[in-house]
Amino acid sequence: KGPELLVDLADHCAQAVADIGGIDKDRADQIGYNIARRMMSHWAGQILYFPKGALYLVSERHRIIFAEFNGHNHAELARKYDLSVQQIYHIVKAVRRDEMARRQGNLFSESV
């Protein structure tokens, strides 16, 4: 019982935990309830907006493409993901740049 949004959040979290973690339904329901309580506690009284996540999904797809890239399979990946070979080159280059930046950090940051 409770506000519809929190009940829905708890149900979706429980289902995700059960699907991904192979956890039994009762335990998954407890985890879903606890997540909903934490969200309520943290964001109580605020108006929330959930974006459609298009950029997140694209970014996730790009990382998958990069992980599958072996240096010689541009055309294969283009066919698999319904993209052009040029787009695959662009994705590989962009993700490689992001990965290097993440690993190296900011070499010129002022915090020492």
PDB file of N, CA and C in Angstrom:
ATOM      1  N   LYS A   1       0.843  -1.192   0.000  1.00  0.00           N
ATOM      2  CA  LYS A   1       0.000   0.000   0.000  1.00  0.00           C
ATOM      3  C   LYS A   1       0.881   1.245   0.000  1.00  0.00           C
ATOM      4  N   GLY A   2       0.341   2.323  -0.501  1.00  0.00           N
ATOM      5  CA  GLY A   2       1.069   3.578  -0.508  1.00  0.00           C
ATOM      6  C   GLY A   2       0.790   4.337  -1.780  1.00  0.00           C
ATOM      7  N   PRO A   3       1.439   5.477  -1.920  1.00  0.00           N
ATOM      8  CA  PRO A   3       1.271   6.259  -3.144  1.00  0.00           C
ATOM      9  C   PRO A   3       1.644   5.421  -4.371  1.00  0.00           C
ATOM     10  N   GLU A   4       0.874   5.596  -5.423  1.00  0.00           N
ATOM     11  CA  GLU A   4       1.021   4.783  -6.623  1.00  0.00           C
ATOM     12  C   GLU A   4       2.446   4.791  -7.190  1.00  0.00           C
ATOM     13  N   LEU A   5       3.093   5.964  -7.220  1.00  0.00           N
ATOM     14  CA  LEU A   5       4.446   6.045  -7.765  1.00  0.00           C
ATOM     15  C   LEU A   5       5.424   5.195  -6.953  1.00  0.00           C
ATOM     16  N   LEU A   6       5.323   5.257  -5.628  1.00  0.00           N
ATOM     17  CA  LEU A   6       6.243   4.484  -4.789  1.00  0.00           C
ATOM     18  C   LEU A   6       5.988   2.985  -4.903  1.00  0.00           C
ATOM     19  N   VAL A   7       4.732   2.607  -4.990  1.00  0.00           N
ATOM     20  CA  VAL A   7       4.391   1.194  -5.149  1.00  0.00           C
ATOM     21  C   VAL A   7       4.923   0.692  -6.490  1.00  0.00           C
ATOM     22  N   ASP A   8       4.734   1.490  -7.529  1.00  0.00           N
ATOM     23  CA  ASP A   8       5.221   1.119  -8.849  1.00  0.00           C
ATOM     24  C   ASP A   8       6.747   1.011  -8.861  1.00  0.00           C
ATOM     25  N   LEU A   9       7.418   1.969  -8.221  1.00  0.00           N
ATOM     26  CA  LEU A   9       8.879   1.930  -8.126  1.00  0.00           C
ATOM     27  C   LEU A   9       9.332   0.667  -7.409  1.00  0.00           C
ATOM     28  N   ALA A  10       8.715   0.366  -6.291  1.00  0.00           N
ATOM     29  CA  ALA A  10       9.074  -0.834  -5.529  1.00  0.00           C
ATOM     30  C   ALA A  10       8.874  -2.093  -6.370  1.00  0.00           C
ATOM     31  N   ASP A  11       7.742  -2.156  -7.087  1.00  0.00           N
ATOM     32  CA  ASP A  11       7.459  -3.329  -7.926  1.00  0.00           C
ATOM     33  C   ASP A  11       8.491  -3.490  -9.037  1.00  0.00           C
ATOM     34  N   HIS A  12       8.836  -2.384  -9.713  1.00  0.00           N
ATOM     35  CA  HIS A  12       9.814  -2.462 -10.806  1.00  0.00           C
ATOM     36  C   HIS A  12      11.205  -2.834 -10.284  1.00  0.00           C
ATOM     37  N   CYS A  13      11.576  -2.276  -9.154  1.00  0.00           N
ATOM     38  CA  CYS A  13      12.883  -2.623  -8.570  1.00  0.00           C
ATOM     39  C   CYS A  13      12.916  -4.092  -8.173  1.00  0.00           C
ATOM     40  N   ALA A  14      11.848  -4.565  -7.560  1.00  0.00           N
ATOM     41  CA  ALA A  14      11.777  -5.968  -7.147  1.00  0.00           C
ATOM     42  C   ALA A  14      11.887  -6.879  -8.368  1.00  0.00           C
ATOM     43  N   GLN A  15      11.186  -6.531  -9.437  1.00  0.00           N
ATOM     44  CA  GLN A  15      11.230  -7.354 -10.643  1.00  0.00           C
ATOM     45  C   GLN A  15      12.631  -7.367 -11.252  1.00  0.00           C
ATOM     46  N   ALA A  16      13.286  -6.201 -11.279  1.00  0.00           N
ATOM     47  CA  ALA A  16      14.645  -6.125 -11.827  1.00  0.00           C
ATOM     48  C   ALA A  16      15.610  -6.955 -10.996  1.00  0.00           C
ATOM     49  N   VAL A  17      15.500  -6.853  -9.680  1.00  0.00           N
ATOM     50  CA  VAL A  17      16.381  -7.614  -8.787  1.00  0.00           C
ATOM     51  C   VAL A  17      16.151  -9.110  -8.969  1.00  0.00           C
ATOM     52  N   ALA A  18      14.892  -9.510  -9.076  1.00  0.00           N
ATOM     53  CA  ALA A  18      14.583 -10.926  -9.262  1.00  0.00           C
ATOM     54  C   ALA A  18      15.115 -11.425 -10.600  1.00  0.00           C
ATOM     55  N   ASP A  19      14.932 -10.617 -11.660  1.00  0.00           N
ATOM     56  CA  ASP A  19      15.378 -11.019 -12.994  1.00  0.00           C
ATOM     57  C   ASP A  19      16.890 -11.099 -13.091  1.00  0.00           C
ATOM     58  N   ILE A  20      17.565 -10.082 -12.580  1.00  0.00           N
ATOM     59  CA  ILE A  20      19.019 -10.000 -12.732  1.00  0.00           C
ATOM     60  C   ILE A  20      19.749 -10.855 -11.703  1.00  0.00           C
ATOM     61  N   GLY A  21      19.269 -10.808 -10.469  1.00  0.00           N
ATOM     62  CA  GLY A  21      19.988 -11.485  -9.393  1.00  0.00           C
ATOM     63  C   GLY A  21      19.509 -12.874  -9.076  1.00  0.00           C
ATOM     64  N   GLY A  22      18.402 -13.305  -9.700  1.00  0.00           N
ATOM     65  CA  GLY A  22      17.893 -14.633  -9.395  1.00  0.00           C
ATOM     66  C   GLY A  22      17.461 -14.772  -7.947  1.00  0.00           C
ATOM     67  N   ILE A  23      16.980 -13.678  -7.370  1.00  0.00           N
ATOM     68  CA  ILE A  23      16.580 -13.662  -5.956  1.00  0.00           C
ATOM     69  C   ILE A  23      15.112 -14.054  -5.861  1.00  0.00           C
ATOM     70  N   ASP A  24      14.752 -14.779  -4.796  1.00  0.00           N
ATOM     71  CA  ASP A  24      13.358 -15.197  -4.651  1.00  0.00           C
ATOM     72  C   ASP A  24      12.446 -13.985  -4.482  1.00  0.00           C
ATOM     73  N   LYS A  25      11.162 -14.167  -4.788  1.00  0.00           N
ATOM     74  CA  LYS A  25      10.200 -13.071  -4.853  1.00  0.00           C
ATOM     75  C   LYS A  25      10.081 -12.309  -3.532  1.00  0.00           C
ATOM     76  N   ASP A  26      10.025 -12.985  -2.415  1.00  0.00           N
ATOM     77  CA  ASP A  26       9.884 -12.291  -1.128  1.00  0.00           C
ATOM     78  C   ASP A  26      11.071 -11.379  -0.847  1.00  0.00           C
ATOM     79  N   ARG A  27      12.262 -11.891  -1.084  1.00  0.00           N
ATOM     80  CA  ARG A  27      13.478 -11.089  -0.861  1.00  0.00           C
ATOM     81  C   ARG A  27      13.535  -9.923  -1.860  1.00  0.00           C
ATOM     82  N   ALA A  28      13.198 -10.181  -3.100  1.00  0.00           N
ATOM     83  CA  ALA A  28      13.183  -9.128  -4.125  1.00  0.00           C
ATOM     84  C   ALA A  28      12.176  -8.044  -3.747  1.00  0.00           C
ATOM     85  N   ASP A  29      11.003  -8.442  -3.231  1.00  0.00           N
ATOM     86  CA  ASP A  29       9.996  -7.466  -2.792  1.00  0.00           C
ATOM     87  C   ASP A  29      10.531  -6.594  -1.655  1.00  0.00           C
ATOM     88  N   GLN A  30      11.272  -7.200  -0.732  1.00  0.00           N
ATOM     89  CA  GLN A  30      11.874  -6.438   0.380  1.00  0.00           C
ATOM     90  C   GLN A  30      12.877  -5.421  -0.156  1.00  0.00           C
ATOM     91  N   ILE A  31      13.689  -5.842  -1.097  1.00  0.00           N
ATOM     92  CA  ILE A  31      14.684  -4.941  -1.685  1.00  0.00           C
ATOM     93  C   ILE A  31      13.985  -3.807  -2.430  1.00  0.00           C
ATOM     94  N   GLY A  32      12.963  -4.126  -3.212  1.00  0.00           N
ATOM     95  CA  GLY A  32      12.199  -3.108  -3.933  1.00  0.00           C
ATOM     96  C   GLY A  32      11.583  -2.099  -2.974  1.00  0.00           C
ATOM     97  N   TYR A  33      11.008  -2.586  -1.887  1.00  0.00           N
ATOM     98  CA  TYR A  33      10.407  -1.713  -0.877  1.00  0.00           C
ATOM     99  C   TYR A  33      11.467  -0.797  -0.264  1.00  0.00           C
ATOM    100  N   ASN A  34      12.629  -1.352   0.055  1.00  0.00           N
ATOM    101  CA  ASN A  34      13.706  -0.541   0.652  1.00  0.00           C
ATOM    102  C   ASN A  34      14.214   0.526  -0.312  1.00  0.00           C
ATOM    103  N   ILE A  35      14.320   0.187  -1.583  1.00  0.00           N
ATOM    104  CA  ILE A  35      14.748   1.186  -2.576  1.00  0.00           C
ATOM    105  C   ILE A  35      13.719   2.307  -2.658  1.00  0.00           C
ATOM    106  N   ALA A  36      12.438   1.957  -2.721  1.00  0.00           N
ATOM    107  CA  ALA A  36      11.377   2.971  -2.782  1.00  0.00           C
ATOM    108  C   ALA A  36      11.407   3.864  -1.543  1.00  0.00           C
ATOM    109  N   ARG A  37      11.628   3.272  -0.373  1.00  0.00           N
ATOM    110  CA  ARG A  37      11.720   4.069   0.867  1.00  0.00           C
ATOM    111  C   ARG A  37      12.896   5.036   0.820  1.00  0.00           C
ATOM    112  N   ARG A  38      14.026   4.574   0.329  1.00  0.00           N
ATOM    113  CA  ARG A  38      15.208   5.447   0.230  1.00  0.00           C
ATOM    114  C   ARG A  38      14.952   6.607  -0.727  1.00  0.00           C
ATOM    115  N   MET A  39      14.333   6.314  -1.867  1.00  0.00           N
ATOM    116  CA  MET A  39      14.026   7.368  -2.832  1.00  0.00           C
ATOM    117  C   MET A  39      13.047   8.371  -2.217  1.00  0.00           C
ATOM    118  N   MET A  40      12.054   7.867  -1.504  1.00  0.00           N
ATOM    119  CA  MET A  40      11.081   8.733  -0.850  1.00  0.00           C
ATOM    120  C   MET A  40      11.780   9.625   0.176  1.00  0.00           C
ATOM    121  N   SER A  41      12.630   9.033   0.949  1.00  0.00           N
ATOM    122  CA  SER A  41      13.356   9.771   1.984  1.00  0.00           C
ATOM    123  C   SER A  41      14.266  10.835   1.389  1.00  0.00           C
ATOM    124  N   HIS A  42      14.916  10.484   0.293  1.00  0.00           N
ATOM    125  CA  HIS A  42      15.886  11.384  -0.322  1.00  0.00           C
ATOM    126  C   HIS A  42      15.209  12.497  -1.124  1.00  0.00           C
ATOM    127  N   TRP A  43      14.131  12.159  -1.840  1.00  0.00           N
ATOM    128  CA  TRP A  43      13.505  13.125  -2.730  1.00  0.00           C
ATOM    129  C   TRP A  43      12.096  13.533  -2.311  1.00  0.00           C
ATOM    130  N   ALA A  44      11.726  13.258  -1.077  1.00  0.00           N
ATOM    131  CA  ALA A  44      10.368  13.568  -0.618  1.00  0.00           C
ATOM    132  C   ALA A  44      10.015  15.030  -0.881  1.00  0.00           C
ATOM    133  N   GLY A  45       8.828  15.253  -1.432  1.00  0.00           N
ATOM    134  CA  GLY A  45       8.325  16.598  -1.665  1.00  0.00           C
ATOM    135  C   GLY A  45       8.813  17.254  -2.938  1.00  0.00           C
ATOM    136  N   GLN A  46       9.746  16.631  -3.645  1.00  0.00           N
ATOM    137  CA  GLN A  46      10.271  17.221  -4.877  1.00  0.00           C
ATOM    138  C   GLN A  46       9.478  16.728  -6.080  1.00  0.00           C
ATOM    139  N   ILE A  47       9.440  17.538  -7.094  1.00  0.00           N
ATOM    140  CA  ILE A  47       8.836  17.129  -8.355  1.00  0.00           C
ATOM    141  C   ILE A  47       9.953  16.514  -9.184  1.00  0.00           C
ATOM    142  N   LEU A  48       9.747  15.280  -9.604  1.00  0.00           N
ATOM    143  CA  LEU A  48      10.771  14.569 -10.351  1.00  0.00           C
ATOM    144  C   LEU A  48      10.377  14.449 -11.815  1.00  0.00           C
ATOM    145  N   TYR A  49      11.371  14.502 -12.655  1.00  0.00           N
ATOM    146  CA  TYR A  49      11.181  14.312 -14.089  1.00  0.00           C
ATOM    147  C   TYR A  49      12.122  13.198 -14.518  1.00  0.00           C
ATOM    148  N   PHE A  50      11.598  12.184 -15.162  1.00  0.00           N
ATOM    149  CA  PHE A  50      12.432  11.109 -15.673  1.00  0.00           C
ATOM    150  C   PHE A  50      12.602  11.304 -17.172  1.00  0.00           C
ATOM    151  N   PRO A  51      13.823  11.561 -17.623  1.00  0.00           N
ATOM    152  CA  PRO A  51      14.044  11.716 -19.065  1.00  0.00           C
ATOM    153  C   PRO A  51      13.846  10.379 -19.772  1.00  0.00           C
ATOM    154  N   LYS A  52      13.635  10.444 -21.063  1.00  0.00           N
ATOM    155  CA  LYS A  52      13.454   9.219 -21.835  1.00  0.00           C
ATOM    156  C   LYS A  52      14.744   8.417 -21.930  1.00  0.00           C
ATOM    157  N   GLY A  53      15.881   9.051 -21.681  1.00  0.00           N
ATOM    158  CA  GLY A  53      17.149   8.349 -21.635  1.00  0.00           C
ATOM    159  C   GLY A  53      17.750   8.022 -22.983  1.00  0.00           C
ATOM    160  N   ALA A  54      17.360   8.745 -24.016  1.00  0.00           N
ATOM    161  CA  ALA A  54      17.873   8.453 -25.357  1.00  0.00           C
ATOM    162  C   ALA A  54      19.399   8.532 -25.396  1.00  0.00           C
ATOM    163  N   LEU A  55      19.976   9.579 -24.795  1.00  0.00           N
ATOM    164  CA  LEU A  55      21.438   9.705 -24.816  1.00  0.00           C
ATOM    165  C   LEU A  55      22.102   8.602 -24.000  1.00  0.00           C
ATOM    166  N   TYR A  56      21.492   8.224 -22.900  1.00  0.00           N
ATOM    167  CA  TYR A  56      22.036   7.139 -22.074  1.00  0.00           C
ATOM    168  C   TYR A  56      22.045   5.838 -22.874  1.00  0.00           C
ATOM    169  N   LEU A  57      20.946   5.560 -23.560  1.00  0.00           N
ATOM    170  CA  LEU A  57      20.865   4.332 -24.335  1.00  0.00           C
ATOM    171  C   LEU A  57      21.849   4.335 -25.492  1.00  0.00           C
ATOM    172  N   VAL A  58      22.019   5.490 -26.134  1.00  0.00           N
ATOM    173  CA  VAL A  58      22.994   5.589 -27.225  1.00  0.00           C
ATOM    174  C   VAL A  58      24.397   5.361 -26.669  1.00  0.00           C
ATOM    175  N   SER A  59      24.696   5.976 -25.538  1.00  0.00           N
ATOM    176  CA  SER A  59      26.006   5.817 -24.929  1.00  0.00           C
ATOM    177  C   SER A  59      26.267   4.352 -24.574  1.00  0.00           C
ATOM    178  N   GLU A  60      25.245   3.693 -24.057  1.00  0.00           N
ATOM    179  CA  GLU A  60      25.376   2.278 -23.710  1.00  0.00           C
ATOM    180  C   GLU A  60      25.655   1.452 -24.970  1.00  0.00           C
ATOM    181  N   ARG A  61      24.919   1.743 -26.038  1.00  0.00           N
ATOM    182  CA  ARG A  61      25.125   1.030 -27.297  1.00  0.00           C
ATOM    183  C   ARG A  61      26.534   1.288 -27.832  1.00  0.00           C
ATOM    184  N   HIS A  62      26.995   2.521 -27.714  1.00  0.00           N
ATOM    185  CA  HIS A  62      28.347   2.850 -28.186  1.00  0.00           C
ATOM    186  C   HIS A  62      29.401   2.045 -27.432  1.00  0.00           C
ATOM    187  N   ARG A  63      29.226   1.896 -26.141  1.00  0.00           N
ATOM    188  CA  ARG A  63      30.206   1.131 -25.356  1.00  0.00           C
ATOM    189  C   ARG A  63      30.170  -0.356 -25.732  1.00  0.00           C
ATOM    190  N   ILE A  64      28.991  -0.855 -26.051  1.00  0.00           N
ATOM    191  CA  ILE A  64      28.875  -2.248 -26.498  1.00  0.00           C
ATOM    192  C   ILE A  64      29.585  -2.416 -27.844  1.00  0.00           C
ATOM    193  N   ILE A  65      29.356  -1.486 -28.754  1.00  0.00           N
ATOM    194  CA  ILE A  65      30.023  -1.533 -30.062  1.00  0.00           C
ATOM    195  C   ILE A  65      31.531  -1.478 -29.875  1.00  0.00           C
ATOM    196  N   PHE A  66      31.996  -0.581 -29.005  1.00  0.00           N
ATOM    197  CA  PHE A  66      33.433  -0.464 -28.755  1.00  0.00           C
ATOM    198  C   PHE A  66      33.996  -1.771 -28.189  1.00  0.00           C
ATOM    199  N   ALA A  67      33.252  -2.400 -27.287  1.00  0.00           N
ATOM    200  CA  ALA A  67      33.713  -3.662 -26.689  1.00  0.00           C
ATOM    201  C   ALA A  67      33.799  -4.773 -27.743  1.00  0.00           C
ATOM    202  N   GLU A  68      32.923  -4.725 -28.739  1.00  0.00           N
ATOM    203  CA  GLU A  68      32.923  -5.743 -29.790  1.00  0.00           C
ATOM    204  C   GLU A  68      33.919  -5.438 -30.905  1.00  0.00           C
ATOM    205  N   PHE A  69      34.428  -4.228 -30.914  1.00  0.00           N
ATOM    206  CA  PHE A  69      35.342  -3.812 -31.974  1.00  0.00           C
ATOM    207  C   PHE A  69      36.689  -4.520 -31.812  1.00  0.00           C
ATOM    208  N   ASN A  70      37.206  -5.093 -32.908  1.00  0.00           N
ATOM    209  CA  ASN A  70      38.495  -5.789 -32.825  1.00  0.00           C
ATOM    210  C   ASN A  70      39.563  -5.174 -33.722  1.00  0.00           C
ATOM    211  N   GLY A  71      39.255  -4.013 -34.303  1.00  0.00           N
ATOM    212  CA  GLY A  71      40.209  -3.338 -35.168  1.00  0.00           C
ATOM    213  C   GLY A  71      39.996  -3.606 -36.649  1.00  0.00           C
ATOM    214  N   HIS A  72      39.227  -4.636 -36.946  1.00  0.00           N
ATOM    215  CA  HIS A  72      39.034  -5.015 -38.342  1.00  0.00           C
ATOM    216  C   HIS A  72      37.575  -5.299 -38.693  1.00  0.00           C
ATOM    217  N   ASN A  73      36.659  -5.055 -37.802  1.00  0.00           N
ATOM    218  CA  ASN A  73      35.274  -5.459 -38.044  1.00  0.00           C
ATOM    219  C   ASN A  73      34.305  -4.277 -38.152  1.00  0.00           C
ATOM    220  N   HIS A  74      34.766  -3.175 -38.717  1.00  0.00           N
ATOM    221  CA  HIS A  74      33.901  -2.003 -38.889  1.00  0.00           C
ATOM    222  C   HIS A  74      32.637  -2.347 -39.679  1.00  0.00           C
ATOM    223  N   ALA A  75      32.803  -3.020 -40.806  1.00  0.00           N
ATOM    224  CA  ALA A  75      31.661  -3.329 -41.674  1.00  0.00           C
ATOM    225  C   ALA A  75      30.686  -4.290 -40.985  1.00  0.00           C
ATOM    226  N   GLU A  76      31.234  -5.274 -40.297  1.00  0.00           N
ATOM    227  CA  GLU A  76      30.389  -6.237 -39.587  1.00  0.00           C
ATOM    228  C   GLU A  76      29.542  -5.540 -38.516  1.00  0.00           C
ATOM    229  N   LEU A  77      30.178  -4.653 -37.746  1.00  0.00           N
ATOM    230  CA  LEU A  77      29.444  -3.917 -36.713  1.00  0.00           C
ATOM    231  C   LEU A  77      28.411  -2.974 -37.330  1.00  0.00           C
ATOM    232  N   ALA A  78      28.746  -2.380 -38.456  1.00  0.00           N
ATOM    233  CA  ALA A  78      27.805  -1.492 -39.137  1.00  0.00           C
ATOM    234  C   ALA A  78      26.549  -2.256 -39.533  1.00  0.00           C
ATOM    235  N   ARG A  79      26.728  -3.444 -40.079  1.00  0.00           N
ATOM    236  CA  ARG A  79      25.567  -4.268 -40.459  1.00  0.00           C
ATOM    237  C   ARG A  79      24.777  -4.687 -39.219  1.00  0.00           C
ATOM    238  N   LYS A  80      25.479  -5.127 -38.203  1.00  0.00           N
ATOM    239  CA  LYS A  80      24.825  -5.631 -36.983  1.00  0.00           C
ATOM    240  C   LYS A  80      23.967  -4.553 -36.319  1.00  0.00           C
ATOM    241  N   TYR A  81      24.473  -3.326 -36.261  1.00  0.00           N
ATOM    242  CA  TYR A  81      23.775  -2.244 -35.552  1.00  0.00           C
ATOM    243  C   TYR A  81      23.043  -1.283 -36.493  1.00  0.00           C
ATOM    244  N   ASP A  82      22.947  -1.645 -37.753  1.00  0.00           N
ATOM    245  CA  ASP A  82      22.247  -0.850 -38.761  1.00  0.00           C
ATOM    246  C   ASP A  82      22.771   0.590 -38.798  1.00  0.00           C
ATOM    247  N   LEU A  83      24.086   0.696 -38.860  1.00  0.00           N
ATOM    248  CA  LEU A  83      24.771   1.990 -38.934  1.00  0.00           C
ATOM    249  C   LEU A  83      25.685   1.976 -40.153  1.00  0.00           C
ATOM    250  N   SER A  84      26.204   3.133 -40.491  1.00  0.00           N
ATOM    251  CA  SER A  84      27.180   3.184 -41.579  1.00  0.00           C
ATOM    252  C   SER A  84      28.563   2.847 -41.019  1.00  0.00           C
ATOM    253  N   VAL A  85      29.448   2.446 -41.906  1.00  0.00           N
ATOM    254  CA  VAL A  85      30.828   2.168 -41.493  1.00  0.00           C
ATOM    255  C   VAL A  85      31.444   3.435 -40.904  1.00  0.00           C
ATOM    256  N   GLN A  86      31.133   4.582 -41.513  1.00  0.00           N
ATOM    257  CA  GLN A  86      31.655   5.855 -41.011  1.00  0.00           C
ATOM    258  C   GLN A  86      31.182   6.116 -39.577  1.00  0.00           C
ATOM    259  N   GLN A  87      29.925   5.779 -39.285  1.00  0.00           N
ATOM    260  CA  GLN A  87      29.416   5.957 -37.919  1.00  0.00           C
ATOM    261  C   GLN A  87      30.166   5.055 -36.940  1.00  0.00           C
ATOM    262  N   ILE A  88      30.497   3.847 -37.364  1.00  0.00           N
ATOM    263  CA  ILE A  88      31.262   2.936 -36.502  1.00  0.00           C
ATOM    264  C   ILE A  88      32.641   3.532 -36.219  1.00  0.00           C
ATOM    265  N   TYR A  89      33.307   4.060 -37.245  1.00  0.00           N
ATOM    266  CA  TYR A  89      34.600   4.720 -37.030  1.00  0.00           C
ATOM    267  C   TYR A  89      34.449   5.844 -35.999  1.00  0.00           C
ATOM    268  N   HIS A  90      33.410   6.647 -36.165  1.00  0.00           N
ATOM    269  CA  HIS A  90      33.175   7.782 -35.265  1.00  0.00           C
ATOM    270  C   HIS A  90      32.930   7.299 -33.828  1.00  0.00           C
ATOM    271  N   ILE A  91      32.107   6.270 -33.668  1.00  0.00           N
ATOM    272  CA  ILE A  91      31.793   5.734 -32.339  1.00  0.00           C
ATOM    273  C   ILE A  91      33.051   5.189 -31.672  1.00  0.00           C
ATOM    274  N   VAL A  92      33.821   4.403 -32.398  1.00  0.00           N
ATOM    275  CA  VAL A  92      35.048   3.817 -31.841  1.00  0.00           C
ATOM    276  C   VAL A  92      36.006   4.923 -31.409  1.00  0.00           C
ATOM    277  N   LYS A  93      36.165   5.921 -32.256  1.00  0.00           N
ATOM    278  CA  LYS A  93      37.066   7.040 -31.937  1.00  0.00           C
ATOM    279  C   LYS A  93      36.578   7.796 -30.696  1.00  0.00           C
ATOM    280  N   ALA A  94      35.277   8.067 -30.620  1.00  0.00           N
ATOM    281  CA  ALA A  94      34.730   8.829 -29.492  1.00  0.00           C
ATOM    282  C   ALA A  94      34.844   8.052 -28.182  1.00  0.00           C
ATOM    283  N   VAL A  95      34.501   6.772 -28.212  1.00  0.00           N
ATOM    284  CA  VAL A  95      34.575   5.977 -26.975  1.00  0.00           C
ATOM    285  C   VAL A  95      36.026   5.799 -26.552  1.00  0.00           C
ATOM    286  N   ARG A  96      36.922   5.587 -27.508  1.00  0.00           N
ATOM    287  CA  ARG A  96      38.351   5.449 -27.178  1.00  0.00           C
ATOM    288  C   ARG A  96      38.858   6.734 -26.501  1.00  0.00           C
ATOM    289  N   ARG A  97      38.462   7.895 -27.041  1.00  0.00           N
ATOM    290  CA  ARG A  97      38.858   9.182 -26.463  1.00  0.00           C
ATOM    291  C   ARG A  97      38.310   9.326 -25.032  1.00  0.00           C
ATOM    292  N   ASP A  98      37.035   8.954 -24.841  1.00  0.00           N
ATOM    293  CA  ASP A  98      36.425   9.030 -23.517  1.00  0.00           C
ATOM    294  C   ASP A  98      37.112   8.095 -22.525  1.00  0.00           C
ATOM    295  N   GLU A  99      37.431   6.894 -22.984  1.00  0.00           N
ATOM    296  CA  GLU A  99      38.109   5.921 -22.120  1.00  0.00           C
ATOM    297  C   GLU A  99      39.491   6.423 -21.702  1.00  0.00           C
ATOM    298  N   MET A 100      40.225   6.972 -22.641  1.00  0.00           N
ATOM    299  CA  MET A 100      41.557   7.499 -22.320  1.00  0.00           C
ATOM    300  C   MET A 100      41.455   8.655 -21.335  1.00  0.00           C
ATOM    301  N   ALA A 101      40.502   9.538 -21.546  1.00  0.00           N
ATOM    302  CA  ALA A 101      40.323  10.679 -20.646  1.00  0.00           C
ATOM    303  C   ALA A 101      39.941  10.200 -19.254  1.00  0.00           C
ATOM    304  N   ARG A 102      39.087   9.193 -19.192  1.00  0.00           N
ATOM    305  CA  ARG A 102      38.655   8.668 -17.897  1.00  0.00           C
ATOM    306  C   ARG A 102      39.831   8.025 -17.162  1.00  0.00           C
ATOM    307  N   ARG A 103      40.655   7.285 -17.880  1.00  0.00           N
ATOM    308  CA  ARG A 103      41.800   6.602 -17.255  1.00  0.00           C
ATOM    309  C   ARG A 103      42.891   7.570 -16.821  1.00  0.00           C
ATOM    310  N   GLN A 104      43.156   8.578 -17.660  1.00  0.00           N
ATOM    311  CA  GLN A 104      44.250   9.507 -17.380  1.00  0.00           C
ATOM    312  C   GLN A 104      43.847  10.625 -16.436  1.00  0.00           C
ATOM    313  N   GLY A 105      42.565  10.950 -16.399  1.00  0.00           N
ATOM    314  CA  GLY A 105      42.143  12.081 -15.596  1.00  0.00           C
ATOM    315  C   GLY A 105      42.643  13.363 -16.225  1.00  0.00           C
ATOM    316  N   ASN A 106      42.505  14.434 -15.506  1.00  0.00           N
ATOM    317  CA  ASN A 106      42.955  15.727 -16.017  1.00  0.00           C
ATOM    318  C   ASN A 106      44.405  15.921 -15.584  1.00  0.00           C
ATOM    319  N   LEU A 107      45.310  15.812 -16.526  1.00  0.00           N
ATOM    320  CA  LEU A 107      46.735  15.939 -16.204  1.00  0.00           C
ATOM    321  C   LEU A 107      47.112  17.344 -15.758  1.00  0.00           C
ATOM    322  N   PHE A 108      46.282  18.312 -16.080  1.00  0.00           N
ATOM    323  CA  PHE A 108      46.601  19.698 -15.758  1.00  0.00           C
ATOM    324  C   PHE A 108      45.699  20.285 -14.695  1.00  0.00           C
ATOM    325  N   SER A 109      45.041  19.434 -13.910  1.00  0.00           N
ATOM    326  CA  SER A 109      44.158  19.956 -12.864  1.00  0.00           C
ATOM    327  C   SER A 109      44.999  20.632 -11.801  1.00  0.00           C
ATOM    328  N   GLU A 110      44.403  21.607 -11.158  1.00  0.00           N
ATOM    329  CA  GLU A 110      45.122  22.391 -10.170  1.00  0.00           C
ATOM    330  C   GLU A 110      45.100  21.751  -8.786  1.00  0.00           C
ATOM    331  N   SER A 111      44.260  20.745  -8.597  1.00  0.00           N
ATOM    332  CA  SER A 111      44.203  20.117  -7.271  1.00  0.00           C
ATOM    333  C   SER A 111      45.362  19.134  -7.142  1.00  0.00           C
ATOM    334  N   VAL A 112      46.196  19.336  -6.142  1.00  0.00           N
ATOM    335  CA  VAL A 112      47.368  18.479  -5.928  1.00  0.00           C
ATOM    336  C   VAL A 112      47.330  17.952  -4.526  1.00  0.00           C
TER     337      VAL A 112
END
